[in-house]
Amino acid sequence: MNIALIAHDTKKELMVRLCIAYCGILSRHKLCATSTTGKLVAEATGLRVVSFLNSEQGGCQQISSRISCGEIDMVFFFRDGVHPELMGQAENDVLRLCDVHTIPLATNIATAEVLIHGLERGDLEWRNIGSPLI
């Protein structure tokens, strides 16, 4: 599966800890991320992460585009719910497109762990479209 990782600054450490904890499962999938999140995850885990631009430069739009084209199967988007002003239109588009294209989306650690356990059990194989682009 192609899994996109996005995290607001206050949630990047949480994303890294999730990826460390589930490195064995995530290593069997293709990961992409916005720039800083991808760099932090790759450095901490050794996982191969295709990094796009950072959010301010268009990274969320790059992920949105891939969602629209059927190239993303799952999204982990850890956002700062305490500061909703951090959500820009591009980030809202990621959430909207996950709904439009029926993409499993985790916006917090609890949901991310449920999705990861589903990956481990093979419960989400119906999503696996095998896109070669990332």
C-alpha atoms as a PDB file:
ATOM      1  CA  MET A   1       0.000   0.000   0.000  1.00  0.00           C
ATOM      2  CA  ASN A   2       1.004   3.602  -0.564  1.00  0.00           C
ATOM      3  CA  ILE A   3       0.791   5.468   2.724  1.00  0.00           C
ATOM      4  CA  ALA A   4       1.092   9.261   3.061  1.00  0.00           C
ATOM      5  CA  LEU A   5       2.418  10.824   6.275  1.00  0.00           C
ATOM      6  CA  ILE A   6       1.685  14.435   7.233  1.00  0.00           C
ATOM      7  CA  ALA A   7       2.179  16.017  10.666  1.00  0.00           C
ATOM      8  CA  HIS A   8       1.871  19.516  12.029  1.00  0.00           C
ATOM      9  CA  ASP A   9       4.986  20.687  13.873  1.00  0.00           C
ATOM     10  CA  THR A  10       3.505  19.890  17.294  1.00  0.00           C
ATOM     11  CA  LYS A  11       2.738  16.327  16.138  1.00  0.00           C
ATOM     12  CA  LYS A  12       5.922  15.407  14.264  1.00  0.00           C
ATOM     13  CA  GLU A  13       7.483  13.668  17.271  1.00  0.00           C
ATOM     14  CA  LEU A  14       4.316  11.619  17.728  1.00  0.00           C
ATOM     15  CA  MET A  15       4.460  10.574  14.049  1.00  0.00           C
ATOM     16  CA  VAL A  16       8.090   9.555  14.469  1.00  0.00           C
ATOM     17  CA  ARG A  17       7.289   7.498  17.580  1.00  0.00           C
ATOM     18  CA  LEU A  18       4.427   5.765  15.742  1.00  0.00           C
ATOM     19  CA  CYS A  19       6.721   4.890  12.849  1.00  0.00           C
ATOM     20  CA  ILE A  20       9.423   3.602  15.202  1.00  0.00           C
ATOM     21  CA  ALA A  21       6.902   1.436  17.053  1.00  0.00           C
ATOM     22  CA  TYR A  22       5.466  -0.051  13.853  1.00  0.00           C
ATOM     23  CA  CYS A  23       8.560   0.040  11.668  1.00  0.00           C
ATOM     24  CA  GLY A  24       8.296  -3.670  10.852  1.00  0.00           C
ATOM     25  CA  ILE A  25       4.785  -3.304   9.469  1.00  0.00           C
ATOM     26  CA  LEU A  26       5.418  -0.005   7.693  1.00  0.00           C
ATOM     27  CA  SER A  27       8.561  -1.389   6.044  1.00  0.00           C
ATOM     28  CA  ARG A  28       6.334  -3.613   3.885  1.00  0.00           C
ATOM     29  CA  HIS A  29       4.597  -0.585   2.368  1.00  0.00           C
ATOM     30  CA  LYS A  30       5.540   2.459   0.302  1.00  0.00           C
ATOM     31  CA  LEU A  31       5.710   5.629   2.346  1.00  0.00           C
ATOM     32  CA  CYS A  32       5.582   9.230   1.227  1.00  0.00           C
ATOM     33  CA  ALA A  33       5.430  12.384   3.299  1.00  0.00           C
ATOM     34  CA  THR A  34       5.701  16.101   3.359  1.00  0.00           C
ATOM     35  CA  SER A  35       9.348  17.169   3.535  1.00  0.00           C
ATOM     36  CA  THR A  36      10.197  17.583   7.216  1.00  0.00           C
ATOM     37  CA  THR A  37       7.961  14.742   8.386  1.00  0.00           C
ATOM     38  CA  GLY A  38       9.521  12.411   5.821  1.00  0.00           C
ATOM     39  CA  LYS A  39      13.045  13.405   6.784  1.00  0.00           C
ATOM     40  CA  LEU A  40      12.409  12.898  10.505  1.00  0.00           C
ATOM     41  CA  VAL A  41      10.730   9.513  10.000  1.00  0.00           C
ATOM     42  CA  ALA A  42      13.449   8.266   7.641  1.00  0.00           C
ATOM     43  CA  GLU A  43      16.256   9.364   9.982  1.00  0.00           C
ATOM     44  CA  ALA A  44      14.640   7.807  13.059  1.00  0.00           C
ATOM     45  CA  THR A  45      13.565   4.509  11.478  1.00  0.00           C
ATOM     46  CA  GLY A  46      15.717   3.837   8.437  1.00  0.00           C
ATOM     47  CA  LEU A  47      12.511   3.444   6.421  1.00  0.00           C
ATOM     48  CA  ARG A  48      12.534   4.600   2.808  1.00  0.00           C
ATOM     49  CA  VAL A  49      10.265   7.629   2.597  1.00  0.00           C
ATOM     50  CA  VAL A  50       9.629   9.568  -0.602  1.00  0.00           C
ATOM     51  CA  SER A  51       9.550  13.188   0.533  1.00  0.00           C
ATOM     52  CA  PHE A  52       7.562  15.863  -1.230  1.00  0.00           C
ATOM     53  CA  LEU A  53       7.752  19.604  -0.633  1.00  0.00           C
ATOM     54  CA  ASN A  54       6.948  20.950   2.802  1.00  0.00           C
ATOM     55  CA  SER A  55       3.333  21.949   3.413  1.00  0.00           C
ATOM     56  CA  GLU A  56       3.925  25.654   2.858  1.00  0.00           C
ATOM     57  CA  GLN A  57       5.548  25.005  -0.516  1.00  0.00           C
ATOM     58  CA  GLY A  58       2.896  22.632  -1.838  1.00  0.00           C
ATOM     59  CA  GLY A  59       3.547  19.247  -0.230  1.00  0.00           C
ATOM     60  CA  CYS A  60      -0.088  18.801   0.770  1.00  0.00           C
ATOM     61  CA  GLN A  61      -1.146  19.649  -2.792  1.00  0.00           C
ATOM     62  CA  GLN A  62       1.254  17.001  -4.085  1.00  0.00           C
ATOM     63  CA  ILE A  63      -0.322  14.425  -1.792  1.00  0.00           C
ATOM     64  CA  SER A  64      -3.831  15.616  -2.709  1.00  0.00           C
ATOM     65  CA  SER A  65      -2.996  15.179  -6.367  1.00  0.00           C
ATOM     66  CA  ARG A  66      -1.873  11.602  -5.768  1.00  0.00           C
ATOM     67  CA  ILE A  67      -5.026  10.880  -3.771  1.00  0.00           C
ATOM     68  CA  SER A  68      -7.126  12.158  -6.690  1.00  0.00           C
ATOM     69  CA  CYS A  69      -5.202   9.967  -9.127  1.00  0.00           C
ATOM     70  CA  GLY A  70      -5.665   6.840  -7.007  1.00  0.00           C
ATOM     71  CA  GLU A  71      -2.003   6.643  -6.021  1.00  0.00           C
ATOM     72  CA  ILE A  72      -2.465   6.888  -2.226  1.00  0.00           C
ATOM     73  CA  ASP A  73      -4.163   4.098  -0.284  1.00  0.00           C
ATOM     74  CA  MET A  74      -3.988   5.458   3.265  1.00  0.00           C
ATOM     75  CA  VAL A  75      -3.185   8.752   5.002  1.00  0.00           C
ATOM     76  CA  PHE A  76      -1.834   9.447   8.478  1.00  0.00           C
ATOM     77  CA  PHE A  77      -2.335  13.179   9.070  1.00  0.00           C
ATOM     78  CA  PHE A  78      -1.525  14.127  12.656  1.00  0.00           C
ATOM     79  CA  ARG A  79      -2.891  17.616  13.051  1.00  0.00           C
ATOM     80  CA  ASP A  80      -2.854  20.050  15.905  1.00  0.00           C
ATOM     81  CA  GLY A  81      -6.469  20.162  17.031  1.00  0.00           C
ATOM     82  CA  VAL A  82      -5.687  22.719  19.729  1.00  0.00           C
ATOM     83  CA  HIS A  83      -4.692  25.322  17.127  1.00  0.00           C
ATOM     84  CA  PRO A  84      -7.211  25.000  14.278  1.00  0.00           C
ATOM     85  CA  GLU A  85      -5.771  28.117  12.642  1.00  0.00           C
ATOM     86  CA  LEU A  86      -2.867  25.920  11.502  1.00  0.00           C
ATOM     87  CA  MET A  87      -5.158  24.189   8.998  1.00  0.00           C
ATOM     88  CA  GLY A  88      -4.840  25.765   5.590  1.00  0.00           C
ATOM     89  CA  GLN A  89      -6.946  25.100   2.524  1.00  0.00           C
ATOM     90  CA  ALA A  90      -4.413  22.630   1.130  1.00  0.00           C
ATOM     91  CA  GLU A  91      -4.558  20.581   4.326  1.00  0.00           C
ATOM     92  CA  ASN A  92      -8.360  20.687   4.340  1.00  0.00           C
ATOM     93  CA  ASP A  93      -8.264  19.425   0.753  1.00  0.00           C
ATOM     94  CA  VAL A  94      -6.333  16.331   1.863  1.00  0.00           C
ATOM     95  CA  LEU A  95      -9.071  15.518   4.378  1.00  0.00           C
ATOM     96  CA  ARG A  96     -11.864  16.203   1.864  1.00  0.00           C
ATOM     97  CA  LEU A  97     -10.250  14.091  -0.851  1.00  0.00           C
ATOM     98  CA  CYS A  98      -9.814  11.170   1.541  1.00  0.00           C
ATOM     99  CA  ASP A  99     -13.590  11.297   2.044  1.00  0.00           C
ATOM    100  CA  VAL A 100     -14.305  11.686  -1.675  1.00  0.00           C
ATOM    101  CA  HIS A 101     -12.036   8.773  -2.663  1.00  0.00           C
ATOM    102  CA  THR A 102     -12.752   6.545   0.366  1.00  0.00           C
ATOM    103  CA  ILE A 103      -9.167   6.638   1.620  1.00  0.00           C
ATOM    104  CA  PRO A 104      -8.612   5.426   5.189  1.00  0.00           C
ATOM    105  CA  LEU A 105      -7.481   8.469   7.198  1.00  0.00           C
ATOM    106  CA  ALA A 106      -6.011   8.694  10.689  1.00  0.00           C
ATOM    107  CA  THR A 107      -5.813  12.125  12.282  1.00  0.00           C
ATOM    108  CA  ASN A 108      -4.684  10.866  15.688  1.00  0.00           C
ATOM    109  CA  ILE A 109      -2.553   8.122  17.211  1.00  0.00           C
ATOM    110  CA  ALA A 110      -5.498   5.917  18.233  1.00  0.00           C
ATOM    111  CA  THR A 111      -6.917   5.704  14.720  1.00  0.00           C
ATOM    112  CA  ALA A 112      -3.447   5.285  13.222  1.00  0.00           C
ATOM    113  CA  GLU A 113      -2.827   2.259  15.418  1.00  0.00           C
ATOM    114  CA  VAL A 114      -6.163   0.723  14.401  1.00  0.00           C
ATOM    115  CA  LEU A 115      -5.235   1.145  10.724  1.00  0.00           C
ATOM    116  CA  ILE A 116      -1.748  -0.264  11.257  1.00  0.00           C
ATOM    117  CA  HIS A 117      -3.154  -3.331  12.999  1.00  0.00           C
ATOM    118  CA  GLY A 118      -5.578  -3.693  10.086  1.00  0.00           C
ATOM    119  CA  LEU A 119      -2.606  -3.591   7.699  1.00  0.00           C
ATOM    120  CA  GLU A 120      -0.841  -6.251   9.739  1.00  0.00           C
ATOM    121  CA  ARG A 121      -3.870  -8.560   9.652  1.00  0.00           C
ATOM    122  CA  GLY A 122      -4.550  -7.931   5.965  1.00  0.00           C
ATOM    123  CA  ASP A 123      -7.950  -6.375   6.662  1.00  0.00           C
ATOM    124  CA  LEU A 124      -7.290  -3.512   4.251  1.00  0.00           C
ATOM    125  CA  GLU A 125      -6.141  -5.471   1.211  1.00  0.00           C
ATOM    126  CA  TRP A 126      -9.152  -4.250  -0.776  1.00  0.00           C
ATOM    127  CA  ARG A 127      -7.434  -0.851  -0.816  1.00  0.00           C
ATOM    128  CA  ASN A 128      -4.210  -2.162  -2.301  1.00  0.00           C
ATOM    129  CA  ILE A 129      -4.201  -0.900  -5.878  1.00  0.00           C
ATOM    130  CA  GLY A 130      -0.466  -1.445  -6.300  1.00  0.00           C
ATOM    131  CA  SER A 131       0.356   1.912  -7.824  1.00  0.00           C
ATOM    132  CA  PRO A 132       3.987   1.973  -8.963  1.00  0.00           C
ATOM    133  CA  LEU A 133       4.378   5.764  -8.774  1.00  0.00           C
ATOM    134  CA  ILE A 134       5.884   6.083  -5.314  1.00  0.00           C
END
